[in-house]
PDB file of all heavy atoms in Angstrom:
ATOM      1  N   GLU A   1       0.791  -1.228  -0.016  1.00  0.00           N
ATOM      2  CA  GLU A   1      -0.048  -0.013  -0.035  1.00  0.00           C
ATOM      3  C   GLU A   1       0.818   1.212   0.007  1.00  0.00           C
ATOM      4  O   GLU A   1       0.446   2.294  -0.508  1.00  0.00           O
ATOM      5  CB  GLU A   1      -0.920   0.010   1.217  1.00  0.00           C
ATOM      6  CG  GLU A   1      -1.983  -1.001   1.240  1.00  0.00           C
ATOM      7  CD  GLU A   1      -2.844  -0.983   2.494  1.00  0.00           C
ATOM      8  OE1 GLU A   1      -2.762   0.019   3.250  1.00  0.00           O
ATOM      9  OE2 GLU A   1      -3.527  -2.023   2.757  1.00  0.00           O
ATOM     10  N   GLY A   2       2.096   1.140   0.587  1.00  0.00           N
ATOM     11  CA  GLY A   2       2.976   2.304   0.625  1.00  0.00           C
ATOM     12  C   GLY A   2       3.840   2.528  -0.574  1.00  0.00           C
ATOM     13  O   GLY A   2       4.562   3.541  -0.677  1.00  0.00           O
ATOM     14  N   GLU A   3       3.702   1.665  -1.531  1.00  0.00           N
ATOM     15  CA  GLU A   3       4.625   1.794  -2.772  1.00  0.00           C
ATOM     16  C   GLU A   3       4.383   3.128  -3.451  1.00  0.00           C
ATOM     17  O   GLU A   3       5.385   3.673  -4.036  1.00  0.00           O
ATOM     18  CB  GLU A   3       4.369   0.620  -3.719  1.00  0.00           C
ATOM     19  CG  GLU A   3       5.065  -0.661  -3.348  1.00  0.00           C
ATOM     20  CD  GLU A   3       4.857  -1.734  -4.476  1.00  0.00           C
ATOM     21  OE1 GLU A   3       3.759  -2.128  -4.659  1.00  0.00           O
ATOM     22  OE2 GLU A   3       5.914  -2.151  -4.985  1.00  0.00           O
ATOM     23  N   SER A   4       3.144   3.583  -3.478  1.00  0.00           N
ATOM     24  CA  SER A   4       2.928   4.918  -4.261  1.00  0.00           C
ATOM     25  C   SER A   4       3.563   6.076  -3.451  1.00  0.00           C
ATOM     26  O   SER A   4       3.726   7.156  -4.068  1.00  0.00           O
ATOM     27  CB  SER A   4       1.480   5.088  -4.378  1.00  0.00           C
ATOM     28  OG  SER A   4       0.779   5.150  -3.112  1.00  0.00           O
ATOM     29  N   CYS A   5       3.791   5.834  -2.208  1.00  0.00           N
ATOM     30  CA  CYS A   5       4.392   6.875  -1.303  1.00  0.00           C
ATOM     31  C   CYS A   5       5.870   6.930  -1.491  1.00  0.00           C
ATOM     32  O   CYS A   5       6.473   8.076  -1.649  1.00  0.00           O
ATOM     33  CB  CYS A   5       4.045   6.640   0.174  1.00  0.00           C
ATOM     34  SG  CYS A   5       4.906   7.624   1.261  1.00  0.00           S
ATOM     35  N   HIS A   6       6.506   5.823  -1.457  1.00  0.00           N
ATOM     36  CA  HIS A   6       8.021   5.839  -1.532  1.00  0.00           C
ATOM     37  C   HIS A   6       8.448   4.472  -2.229  1.00  0.00           C
ATOM     38  O   HIS A   6       7.912   3.446  -1.888  1.00  0.00           O
ATOM     39  CB  HIS A   6       8.633   5.950  -0.119  1.00  0.00           C
ATOM     40  CG  HIS A   6      10.099   6.377  -0.254  1.00  0.00           C
ATOM     41  ND1 HIS A   6      11.116   5.481  -0.637  1.00  0.00           N
ATOM     42  CD2 HIS A   6      10.710   7.604   0.036  1.00  0.00           C
ATOM     43  CE1 HIS A   6      12.193   6.118  -0.603  1.00  0.00           C
ATOM     44  NE2 HIS A   6      12.032   7.357  -0.277  1.00  0.00           N
ATOM     45  N   GLY A   7       9.441   4.553  -3.025  1.00  0.00           N
ATOM     46  CA  GLY A   7       9.858   3.347  -3.760  1.00  0.00           C
ATOM     47  C   GLY A   7      10.393   2.255  -2.971  1.00  0.00           C
ATOM     48  O   GLY A   7      10.420   1.078  -3.250  1.00  0.00           O
ATOM     49  N   TYR A   8      10.909   2.609  -1.690  1.00  0.00           N
ATOM     50  CA  TYR A   8      11.528   1.583  -0.782  1.00  0.00           C
ATOM     51  C   TYR A   8      10.497   0.562  -0.377  1.00  0.00           C
ATOM     52  O   TYR A   8      10.859  -0.527  -0.032  1.00  0.00           O
ATOM     53  CB  TYR A   8      12.201   2.229   0.344  1.00  0.00           C
ATOM     54  CG  TYR A   8      13.577   2.747   0.127  1.00  0.00           C
ATOM     55  CD1 TYR A   8      14.079   2.835  -1.123  1.00  0.00           C
ATOM     56  CD2 TYR A   8      14.418   3.065   1.198  1.00  0.00           C
ATOM     57  CE1 TYR A   8      15.368   3.308  -1.305  1.00  0.00           C
ATOM     58  CE2 TYR A   8      15.669   3.486   1.017  1.00  0.00           C
ATOM     59  CZ  TYR A   8      16.163   3.687  -0.295  1.00  0.00           C
ATOM     60  OH  TYR A   8      17.418   4.126  -0.510  1.00  0.00           O
ATOM     61  N   PHE A   9       9.223   0.998  -0.392  1.00  0.00           N
ATOM     62  CA  PHE A   9       8.146   0.079   0.033  1.00  0.00           C
ATOM     63  C   PHE A   9       8.083  -1.032  -0.936  1.00  0.00           C
ATOM     64  O   PHE A   9       7.614  -2.119  -0.504  1.00  0.00           O
ATOM     65  CB  PHE A   9       6.815   0.733   0.187  1.00  0.00           C
ATOM     66  CG  PHE A   9       6.753   1.593   1.435  1.00  0.00           C
ATOM     67  CD1 PHE A   9       6.878   2.977   1.404  1.00  0.00           C
ATOM     68  CD2 PHE A   9       6.533   1.006   2.660  1.00  0.00           C
ATOM     69  CE1 PHE A   9       6.796   3.766   2.524  1.00  0.00           C
ATOM     70  CE2 PHE A   9       6.409   1.796   3.827  1.00  0.00           C
ATOM     71  CZ  PHE A   9       6.589   3.140   3.693  1.00  0.00           C
ATOM     72  N   GLY A  10       8.433  -0.918  -2.159  1.00  0.00           N
ATOM     73  CA  GLY A  10       8.466  -1.991  -3.129  1.00  0.00           C
ATOM     74  C   GLY A  10       9.380  -3.082  -2.733  1.00  0.00           C
ATOM     75  O   GLY A  10       9.121  -4.216  -2.753  1.00  0.00           O
ATOM     76  N   GLY A  11      10.674  -2.558  -2.392  1.00  0.00           N
ATOM     77  CA  GLY A  11      11.686  -3.493  -1.891  1.00  0.00           C
ATOM     78  C   GLY A  11      11.258  -4.260  -0.663  1.00  0.00           C
ATOM     79  O   GLY A  11      11.467  -5.505  -0.500  1.00  0.00           O
ATOM     80  N   ILE A  12      10.619  -3.542   0.264  1.00  0.00           N
ATOM     81  CA  ILE A  12      10.217  -4.110   1.549  1.00  0.00           C
ATOM     82  C   ILE A  12       9.118  -5.157   1.196  1.00  0.00           C
ATOM     83  O   ILE A  12       9.156  -6.224   1.846  1.00  0.00           O
ATOM     84  CB  ILE A  12       9.753  -2.972   2.464  1.00  0.00           C
ATOM     85  CG1 ILE A  12      10.833  -2.141   2.967  1.00  0.00           C
ATOM     86  CG2 ILE A  12       8.951  -3.677   3.654  1.00  0.00           C
ATOM     87  CD1 ILE A  12      10.411  -0.855   3.757  1.00  0.00           C
ATOM     88  N   TYR A  13       8.176  -4.813   0.316  1.00  0.00           N
ATOM     89  CA  TYR A  13       7.227  -5.727  -0.090  1.00  0.00           C
ATOM     90  C   TYR A  13       7.728  -7.088  -0.565  1.00  0.00           C
ATOM     91  O   TYR A  13       7.351  -8.167  -0.051  1.00  0.00           O
ATOM     92  CB  TYR A  13       6.227  -5.129  -1.109  1.00  0.00           C
ATOM     93  CG  TYR A  13       5.367  -6.133  -1.841  1.00  0.00           C
ATOM     94  CD1 TYR A  13       4.224  -6.639  -1.210  1.00  0.00           C
ATOM     95  CD2 TYR A  13       5.594  -6.494  -3.147  1.00  0.00           C
ATOM     96  CE1 TYR A  13       3.397  -7.502  -1.900  1.00  0.00           C
ATOM     97  CE2 TYR A  13       4.779  -7.383  -3.847  1.00  0.00           C
ATOM     98  CZ  TYR A  13       3.702  -7.871  -3.166  1.00  0.00           C
ATOM     99  OH  TYR A  13       2.891  -8.726  -3.841  1.00  0.00           O
ATOM    100  N   TYR A  14       8.630  -7.026  -1.541  1.00  0.00           N
ATOM    101  CA  TYR A  14       9.153  -8.216  -2.061  1.00  0.00           C
ATOM    102  C   TYR A  14      10.077  -8.960  -1.072  1.00  0.00           C
ATOM    103  O   TYR A  14      10.023 -10.242  -0.977  1.00  0.00           O
ATOM    104  CB  TYR A  14      10.012  -7.960  -3.369  1.00  0.00           C
ATOM    105  CG  TYR A  14       9.090  -7.646  -4.501  1.00  0.00           C
ATOM    106  CD1 TYR A  14       9.011  -6.296  -5.033  1.00  0.00           C
ATOM    107  CD2 TYR A  14       8.236  -8.572  -5.054  1.00  0.00           C
ATOM    108  CE1 TYR A  14       8.139  -5.990  -6.016  1.00  0.00           C
ATOM    109  CE2 TYR A  14       7.373  -8.209  -6.091  1.00  0.00           C
ATOM    110  CZ  TYR A  14       7.316  -6.978  -6.601  1.00  0.00           C
ATOM    111  OH  TYR A  14       6.472  -6.645  -7.586  1.00  0.00           O
ATOM    112  N   ASN A  15      10.786  -8.339  -0.233  1.00  0.00           N
ATOM    113  CA  ASN A  15      11.541  -8.925   0.798  1.00  0.00           C
ATOM    114  C   ASN A  15      10.648  -9.645   1.799  1.00  0.00           C
ATOM    115  O   ASN A  15      11.045 -10.784   2.235  1.00  0.00           O
ATOM    116  CB  ASN A  15      12.442  -7.921   1.478  1.00  0.00           C
ATOM    117  CG  ASN A  15      13.629  -7.571   0.672  1.00  0.00           C
ATOM    118  OD1 ASN A  15      13.886  -8.122  -0.365  1.00  0.00           O
ATOM    119  ND2 ASN A  15      14.461  -6.605   1.164  1.00  0.00           N
ATOM    120  N   LEU A  16       9.608  -9.014   2.202  1.00  0.00           N
ATOM    121  CA  LEU A  16       8.724  -9.647   3.142  1.00  0.00           C
ATOM    122  C   LEU A  16       8.083 -10.934   2.590  1.00  0.00           C
ATOM    123  O   LEU A  16       7.997 -11.912   3.277  1.00  0.00           O
ATOM    124  CB  LEU A  16       7.632  -8.678   3.649  1.00  0.00           C
ATOM    125  CG  LEU A  16       8.119  -7.578   4.569  1.00  0.00           C
ATOM    126  CD1 LEU A  16       7.023  -6.593   4.818  1.00  0.00           C
ATOM    127  CD2 LEU A  16       8.671  -8.113   5.915  1.00  0.00           C
ATOM    128  N   LEU A  17       7.606 -10.818   1.285  1.00  0.00           N
ATOM    129  CA  LEU A  17       7.081 -12.036   0.659  1.00  0.00           C
ATOM    130  C   LEU A  17       8.113 -13.163   0.662  1.00  0.00           C
ATOM    131  O   LEU A  17       7.761 -14.331   0.893  1.00  0.00           O
ATOM    132  CB  LEU A  17       6.592 -11.682  -0.735  1.00  0.00           C
ATOM    133  CG  LEU A  17       5.235 -11.186  -0.804  1.00  0.00           C
ATOM    134  CD1 LEU A  17       4.847 -11.037  -2.359  1.00  0.00           C
ATOM    135  CD2 LEU A  17       4.188 -11.914  -0.086  1.00  0.00           C
ATOM    136  N   SER A  18       9.309 -12.769   0.315  1.00  0.00           N
ATOM    137  CA  SER A  18      10.429 -13.733   0.267  1.00  0.00           C
ATOM    138  C   SER A  18      10.619 -14.325   1.629  1.00  0.00           C
ATOM    139  O   SER A  18      10.873 -15.618   1.763  1.00  0.00           O
ATOM    140  CB  SER A  18      11.668 -13.110  -0.271  1.00  0.00           C
ATOM    141  OG  SER A  18      12.774 -13.938  -0.148  1.00  0.00           O
ATOM    142  N   LEU A  19      10.611 -13.529   2.704  1.00  0.00           N
ATOM    143  CA  LEU A  19      10.775 -14.115   4.022  1.00  0.00           C
ATOM    144  C   LEU A  19       9.616 -15.058   4.403  1.00  0.00           C
ATOM    145  O   LEU A  19       9.791 -16.014   5.118  1.00  0.00           O
ATOM    146  CB  LEU A  19      10.901 -13.039   5.114  1.00  0.00           C
ATOM    147  CG  LEU A  19      12.183 -12.155   5.027  1.00  0.00           C
ATOM    148  CD1 LEU A  19      12.107 -10.871   5.903  1.00  0.00           C
ATOM    149  CD2 LEU A  19      13.441 -12.955   5.373  1.00  0.00           C
ATOM    150  N   ALA A  20       8.374 -14.689   3.948  1.00  0.00           N
ATOM    151  CA  ALA A  20       7.251 -15.488   4.325  1.00  0.00           C
ATOM    152  C   ALA A  20       7.167 -16.772   3.563  1.00  0.00           C
ATOM    153  O   ALA A  20       6.918 -17.832   4.126  1.00  0.00           O
ATOM    154  CB  ALA A  20       5.950 -14.636   4.059  1.00  0.00           C
ATOM    155  N   TRP A  21       7.475 -16.792   2.297  1.00  0.00           N
ATOM    156  CA  TRP A  21       7.256 -17.835   1.441  1.00  0.00           C
ATOM    157  C   TRP A  21       8.526 -18.468   0.805  1.00  0.00           C
ATOM    158  O   TRP A  21       8.418 -19.424   0.102  1.00  0.00           O
ATOM    159  CB  TRP A  21       6.274 -17.573   0.222  1.00  0.00           C
ATOM    160  CG  TRP A  21       4.935 -17.023   0.765  1.00  0.00           C
ATOM    161  CD1 TRP A  21       4.494 -15.792   0.687  1.00  0.00           C
ATOM    162  CD2 TRP A  21       4.001 -17.716   1.507  1.00  0.00           C
ATOM    163  NE1 TRP A  21       3.241 -15.632   1.253  1.00  0.00           N
ATOM    164  CE2 TRP A  21       2.919 -16.830   1.750  1.00  0.00           C
ATOM    165  CE3 TRP A  21       3.880 -19.126   1.934  1.00  0.00           C
ATOM    166  CZ2 TRP A  21       1.733 -17.303   2.506  1.00  0.00           C
ATOM    167  CZ3 TRP A  21       2.745 -19.404   2.598  1.00  0.00           C
ATOM    168  CH2 TRP A  21       1.699 -18.592   2.847  1.00  0.00           C
ATOM    169  N   GLY A  22       9.651 -17.918   1.087  1.00  0.00           N
ATOM    170  CA  GLY A  22      10.923 -18.478   0.563  1.00  0.00           C
ATOM    171  C   GLY A  22      10.967 -18.360  -1.005  1.00  0.00           C
ATOM    172  O   GLY A  22      10.495 -17.420  -1.562  1.00  0.00           O
ATOM    173  N   SER A  23      11.414 -19.477  -1.649  1.00  0.00           N
ATOM    174  CA  SER A  23      11.531 -19.429  -3.030  1.00  0.00           C
ATOM    175  C   SER A  23      10.202 -19.428  -3.770  1.00  0.00           C
ATOM    176  O   SER A  23      10.080 -19.293  -4.923  1.00  0.00           O
ATOM    177  CB  SER A  23      12.392 -20.670  -3.479  1.00  0.00           C
ATOM    178  OG  SER A  23      11.679 -21.896  -3.157  1.00  0.00           O
ATOM    179  N   ARG A  24       9.102 -19.744  -3.028  1.00  0.00           N
ATOM    180  CA  ARG A  24       7.797 -19.811  -3.623  1.00  0.00           C
ATOM    181  C   ARG A  24       7.083 -18.384  -3.801  1.00  0.00           C
ATOM    182  O   ARG A  24       6.005 -18.228  -4.175  1.00  0.00           O
ATOM    183  CB  ARG A  24       6.818 -20.693  -2.882  1.00  0.00           C
ATOM    184  CG  ARG A  24       7.374 -22.070  -2.770  1.00  0.00           C
ATOM    185  CD  ARG A  24       6.528 -22.979  -1.824  1.00  0.00           C
ATOM    186  NE  ARG A  24       6.811 -22.340  -0.420  1.00  0.00           N
ATOM    187  CZ  ARG A  24       6.025 -22.601   0.498  1.00  0.00           C
ATOM    188  NH1 ARG A  24       4.986 -23.400   0.515  1.00  0.00           N
ATOM    189  NH2 ARG A  24       6.214 -22.082   1.761  1.00  0.00           N
ATOM    190  N   ALA A  25       7.759 -17.389  -3.242  1.00  0.00           N
ATOM    191  CA  ALA A  25       7.310 -16.044  -3.117  1.00  0.00           C
ATOM    192  C   ALA A  25       6.828 -15.458  -4.453  1.00  0.00           C
ATOM    193  O   ALA A  25       5.764 -14.777  -4.498  1.00  0.00           O
ATOM    194  CB  ALA A  25       8.276 -15.032  -2.552  1.00  0.00           C
ATOM    195  N   ARG A  26       7.474 -15.798  -5.537  1.00  0.00           N
ATOM    196  CA  ARG A  26       7.084 -15.263  -6.861  1.00  0.00           C
ATOM    197  C   ARG A  26       5.680 -15.764  -7.235  1.00  0.00           C
ATOM    198  O   ARG A  26       5.125 -15.328  -8.186  1.00  0.00           O
ATOM    199  CB  ARG A  26       8.145 -15.455  -7.889  1.00  0.00           C
ATOM    200  CG  ARG A  26       8.402 -16.912  -8.219  1.00  0.00           C
ATOM    201  CD  ARG A  26       9.467 -16.999  -9.291  1.00  0.00           C
ATOM    202  NE  ARG A  26       9.879 -18.380  -9.551  1.00  0.00           N
ATOM    203  CZ  ARG A  26      10.935 -18.964  -9.026  1.00  0.00           C
ATOM    204  NH1 ARG A  26      11.661 -18.286  -8.195  1.00  0.00           N
ATOM    205  NH2 ARG A  26      11.158 -20.249  -9.225  1.00  0.00           N
ATOM    206  N   HIS A  27       5.283 -16.917  -6.692  1.00  0.00           N
ATOM    207  CA  HIS A  27       3.981 -17.556  -7.105  1.00  0.00           C
ATOM    208  C   HIS A  27       2.872 -17.191  -6.129  1.00  0.00           C
ATOM    209  O   HIS A  27       1.802 -17.670  -6.345  1.00  0.00           O
ATOM    210  CB  HIS A  27       4.124 -19.059  -7.164  1.00  0.00           C
ATOM    211  CG  HIS A  27       5.285 -19.566  -8.073  1.00  0.00           C
ATOM    212  ND1 HIS A  27       5.178 -19.325  -9.422  1.00  0.00           N
ATOM    213  CD2 HIS A  27       6.435 -20.124  -7.749  1.00  0.00           C
ATOM    214  CE1 HIS A  27       6.259 -19.828  -9.966  1.00  0.00           C
ATOM    215  NE2 HIS A  27       7.034 -20.353  -8.975  1.00  0.00           N
ATOM    216  N   LYS A  28       3.191 -16.427  -5.118  1.00  0.00           N
ATOM    217  CA  LYS A  28       2.202 -16.078  -4.153  1.00  0.00           C
ATOM    218  C   LYS A  28       1.642 -14.671  -4.256  1.00  0.00           C
ATOM    219  O   LYS A  28       2.360 -13.788  -4.713  1.00  0.00           O
ATOM    220  CB  LYS A  28       2.722 -16.222  -2.706  1.00  0.00           C
ATOM    221  CG  LYS A  28       3.211 -17.639  -2.313  1.00  0.00           C
ATOM    222  CD  LYS A  28       2.041 -18.508  -2.068  1.00  0.00           C
ATOM    223  CE  LYS A  28       2.410 -19.929  -1.619  1.00  0.00           C
ATOM    224  NZ  LYS A  28       1.321 -20.702  -1.257  1.00  0.00           N
ATOM    225  N   LYS A  29       0.462 -14.549  -3.892  1.00  0.00           N
ATOM    226  CA  LYS A  29      -0.188 -13.223  -3.837  1.00  0.00           C
ATOM    227  C   LYS A  29      -0.111 -12.681  -2.326  1.00  0.00           C
ATOM    228  O   LYS A  29      -0.041 -13.545  -1.441  1.00  0.00           O
ATOM    229  CB  LYS A  29      -1.628 -13.263  -4.361  1.00  0.00           C
ATOM    230  CG  LYS A  29      -1.708 -13.643  -5.818  1.00  0.00           C
ATOM    231  CD  LYS A  29      -3.147 -13.610  -6.318  1.00  0.00           C
ATOM    232  CE  LYS A  29      -3.049 -13.946  -7.718  1.00  0.00           C
ATOM    233  NZ  LYS A  29      -4.439 -14.077  -8.310  1.00  0.00           N
ATOM    234  N   PRO A  30      -0.265 -11.351  -2.200  1.00  0.00           N
ATOM    235  CA  PRO A  30      -0.156 -10.838  -0.795  1.00  0.00           C
ATOM    236  C   PRO A  30      -1.459 -11.420  -0.032  1.00  0.00           C
ATOM    237  O   PRO A  30      -2.482 -11.861  -0.556  1.00  0.00           O
ATOM    238  CB  PRO A  30      -0.419  -9.372  -0.969  1.00  0.00           C
ATOM    239  CG  PRO A  30       0.004  -9.109  -2.398  1.00  0.00           C
ATOM    240  CD  PRO A  30      -0.402 -10.389  -3.142  1.00  0.00           C
ATOM    241  N   CYS A  31      -1.271 -11.573   1.250  1.00  0.00           N
ATOM    242  CA  CYS A  31      -2.263 -12.093   2.202  1.00  0.00           C
ATOM    243  C   CYS A  31      -3.330 -11.090   2.308  1.00  0.00           C
ATOM    244  O   CYS A  31      -3.076  -9.898   2.461  1.00  0.00           O
ATOM    245  CB  CYS A  31      -1.722 -12.448   3.529  1.00  0.00           C
ATOM    246  SG  CYS A  31      -0.521 -13.846   3.444  1.00  0.00           S
ATOM    247  N   PRO A  32      -4.601 -11.525   2.360  1.00  0.00           N
ATOM    248  CA  PRO A  32      -5.648 -10.564   2.700  1.00  0.00           C
ATOM    249  C   PRO A  32      -5.553 -10.114   4.173  1.00  0.00           C
ATOM    250  O   PRO A  32      -5.135 -10.825   5.044  1.00  0.00           O
ATOM    251  CB  PRO A  32      -6.948 -11.390   2.522  1.00  0.00           C
ATOM    252  CG  PRO A  32      -6.551 -12.838   2.628  1.00  0.00           C
ATOM    253  CD  PRO A  32      -5.094 -12.828   2.178  1.00  0.00           C
ATOM    254  N   VAL A  33      -5.826  -8.860   4.360  1.00  0.00           N
ATOM    255  CA  VAL A  33      -5.792  -8.195   5.715  1.00  0.00           C
ATOM    256  C   VAL A  33      -7.178  -7.738   6.044  1.00  0.00           C
ATOM    257  O   VAL A  33      -7.736  -6.911   5.395  1.00  0.00           O
ATOM    258  CB  VAL A  33      -4.772  -7.066   5.752  1.00  0.00           C
ATOM    259  CG1 VAL A  33      -4.840  -6.438   7.093  1.00  0.00           C
ATOM    260  CG2 VAL A  33      -3.368  -7.473   5.313  1.00  0.00           C
ATOM    261  N   ALA A  34      -7.737  -8.363   7.057  1.00  0.00           N
ATOM    262  CA  ALA A  34      -9.160  -8.069   7.454  1.00  0.00           C
ATOM    263  C   ALA A  34      -9.117  -6.682   8.165  1.00  0.00           C
ATOM    264  O   ALA A  34      -8.151  -6.216   8.685  1.00  0.00           O
ATOM    265  CB  ALA A  34      -9.650  -9.136   8.426  1.00  0.00           C
ATOM    266  N   ALA A  35     -10.259  -6.000   7.919  1.00  0.00           N
ATOM    267  CA  ALA A  35     -10.488  -4.665   8.573  1.00  0.00           C
ATOM    268  C   ALA A  35     -10.419  -4.912  10.062  1.00  0.00           C
ATOM    269  O   ALA A  35     -10.763  -5.846  10.626  1.00  0.00           O
ATOM    270  CB  ALA A  35     -11.813  -4.120   8.148  1.00  0.00           C
ATOM    271  N   GLY A  36      -9.845  -3.846  10.709  1.00  0.00           N
ATOM    272  CA  GLY A  36      -9.761  -3.905  12.156  1.00  0.00           C
ATOM    273  C   GLY A  36      -9.217  -2.483  12.631  1.00  0.00           C
ATOM    274  O   GLY A  36      -9.331  -1.604  11.926  1.00  0.00           O
ATOM    275  N   SER A  37      -8.590  -2.516  13.799  1.00  0.00           N
ATOM    276  CA  SER A  37      -8.065  -1.314  14.300  1.00  0.00           C
ATOM    277  C   SER A  37      -6.922  -0.817  13.401  1.00  0.00           C
ATOM    278  O   SER A  37      -6.254  -1.653  12.640  1.00  0.00           O
ATOM    279  CB  SER A  37      -7.524  -1.465  15.688  1.00  0.00           C
ATOM    280  OG  SER A  37      -6.382  -2.399  15.763  1.00  0.00           O
ATOM    281  N   THR A  38      -6.770   0.451  13.367  1.00  0.00           N
ATOM    282  CA  THR A  38      -5.684   1.064  12.469  1.00  0.00           C
ATOM    283  C   THR A  38      -4.605   1.683  13.312  1.00  0.00           C
ATOM    284  O   THR A  38      -4.753   1.972  14.473  1.00  0.00           O
ATOM    285  CB  THR A  38      -6.227   2.066  11.497  1.00  0.00           C
ATOM    286  OG1 THR A  38      -6.861   3.130  12.312  1.00  0.00           O
ATOM    287  CG2 THR A  38      -7.324   1.482  10.569  1.00  0.00           C
ATOM    288  N   THR A  39      -3.509   1.981  12.641  1.00  0.00           N
ATOM    289  CA  THR A  39      -2.427   2.657  13.296  1.00  0.00           C
ATOM    290  C   THR A  39      -1.759   3.459  12.141  1.00  0.00           C
ATOM    291  O   THR A  39      -1.973   3.329  10.892  1.00  0.00           O
ATOM    292  CB  THR A  39      -1.413   1.652  13.849  1.00  0.00           C
ATOM    293  OG1 THR A  39      -0.352   2.366  14.549  1.00  0.00           O
ATOM    294  CG2 THR A  39      -0.756   0.796  12.824  1.00  0.00           C
ATOM    295  N   SER A  40      -0.828   4.357  12.505  1.00  0.00           N
ATOM    296  CA  SER A  40      -0.161   5.112  11.468  1.00  0.00           C
ATOM    297  C   SER A  40       0.905   4.280  10.798  1.00  0.00           C
ATOM    298  O   SER A  40       1.402   3.273  11.380  1.00  0.00           O
ATOM    299  CB  SER A  40       0.491   6.339  12.057  1.00  0.00           C
ATOM    300  OG  SER A  40       1.613   6.024  12.865  1.00  0.00           O
ATOM    301  N   LEU A  41       1.213   4.630   9.574  1.00  0.00           N
ATOM    302  CA  LEU A  41       2.309   3.851   8.846  1.00  0.00           C
ATOM    303  C   LEU A  41       3.566   3.928   9.622  1.00  0.00           C
ATOM    304  O   LEU A  41       4.376   2.999   9.670  1.00  0.00           O
ATOM    305  CB  LEU A  41       2.435   4.456   7.416  1.00  0.00           C
ATOM    306  CG  LEU A  41       3.488   3.734   6.571  1.00  0.00           C
ATOM    307  CD1 LEU A  41       3.087   2.277   6.332  1.00  0.00           C
ATOM    308  CD2 LEU A  41       3.588   4.450   5.218  1.00  0.00           C
ATOM    309  N   LYS A  42       3.887   5.073  10.264  1.00  0.00           N
ATOM    310  CA  LYS A  42       5.093   5.215  11.039  1.00  0.00           C
ATOM    311  C   LYS A  42       5.197   4.272  12.127  1.00  0.00           C
ATOM    312  O   LYS A  42       6.243   3.631  12.392  1.00  0.00           O
ATOM    313  CB  LYS A  42       5.209   6.700  11.564  1.00  0.00           C
ATOM    314  CG  LYS A  42       6.509   7.015  12.217  1.00  0.00           C
ATOM    315  CD  LYS A  42       6.591   8.476  12.570  1.00  0.00           C
ATOM    316  CE  LYS A  42       8.055   8.761  13.117  1.00  0.00           C
ATOM    317  NZ  LYS A  42       8.266  10.118  13.209  1.00  0.00           N
ATOM    318  N   ILE A  43       4.110   4.047  12.911  1.00  0.00           N
ATOM    319  CA  ILE A  43       4.121   3.122  13.987  1.00  0.00           C
ATOM    320  C   ILE A  43       4.234   1.704  13.478  1.00  0.00           C
ATOM    321  O   ILE A  43       4.874   0.856  14.027  1.00  0.00           O
ATOM    322  CB  ILE A  43       2.883   3.350  14.842  1.00  0.00           C
ATOM    323  CG1 ILE A  43       3.030   4.680  15.684  1.00  0.00           C
ATOM    324  CG2 ILE A  43       2.699   2.256  15.902  1.00  0.00           C
ATOM    325  CD1 ILE A  43       1.860   5.098  16.347  1.00  0.00           C
ATOM    326  N   PHE A  44       3.500   1.426  12.364  1.00  0.00           N
ATOM    327  CA  PHE A  44       3.567   0.106  11.710  1.00  0.00           C
ATOM    328  C   PHE A  44       4.987  -0.209  11.382  1.00  0.00           C
ATOM    329  O   PHE A  44       5.443  -1.406  11.646  1.00  0.00           O
ATOM    330  CB  PHE A  44       2.632   0.071  10.417  1.00  0.00           C
ATOM    331  CG  PHE A  44       2.962  -1.164   9.572  1.00  0.00           C
ATOM    332  CD1 PHE A  44       2.329  -2.343   9.941  1.00  0.00           C
ATOM    333  CD2 PHE A  44       3.739  -1.050   8.478  1.00  0.00           C
ATOM    334  CE1 PHE A  44       2.551  -3.457   9.154  1.00  0.00           C
ATOM    335  CE2 PHE A  44       3.923  -2.182   7.674  1.00  0.00           C
ATOM    336  CZ  PHE A  44       3.414  -3.346   8.068  1.00  0.00           C
ATOM    337  N   LEU A  45       5.749   0.737  10.811  1.00  0.00           N
ATOM    338  CA  LEU A  45       7.115   0.464  10.426  1.00  0.00           C
ATOM    339  C   LEU A  45       7.980   0.111  11.654  1.00  0.00           C
ATOM    340  O   LEU A  45       8.795  -0.758  11.569  1.00  0.00           O
ATOM    341  CB  LEU A  45       7.675   1.654   9.702  1.00  0.00           C
ATOM    342  CG  LEU A  45       7.085   1.915   8.308  1.00  0.00           C
ATOM    343  CD1 LEU A  45       7.644   3.179   7.636  1.00  0.00           C
ATOM    344  CD2 LEU A  45       7.253   0.673   7.362  1.00  0.00           C
ATOM    345  N   LYS A  46       7.699   0.874  12.711  1.00  0.00           N
ATOM    346  CA  LYS A  46       8.590   0.564  13.899  1.00  0.00           C
ATOM    347  C   LYS A  46       8.334  -0.737  14.453  1.00  0.00           C
ATOM    348  O   LYS A  46       9.179  -1.512  14.800  1.00  0.00           O
ATOM    349  CB  LYS A  46       8.121   1.630  15.004  1.00  0.00           C
ATOM    350  CG  LYS A  46       8.980   1.616  16.215  1.00  0.00           C
ATOM    351  CD  LYS A  46       8.541   2.574  17.260  1.00  0.00           C
ATOM    352  CE  LYS A  46       9.106   3.968  16.855  1.00  0.00           C
ATOM    353  NZ  LYS A  46       8.853   4.950  17.935  1.00  0.00           N
TER     354      LYS A  46
END
């Protein structure tokens, strides 16, 4: 979601998928995130 804000979020996105799924990351789609409480992006990053 943050990719439009800063290009580094693209790298973080692919790295996190790689950490989650290993070599299968390129075949996986992002996980759905159910609505719930929110926080700022800054706190999320921390």
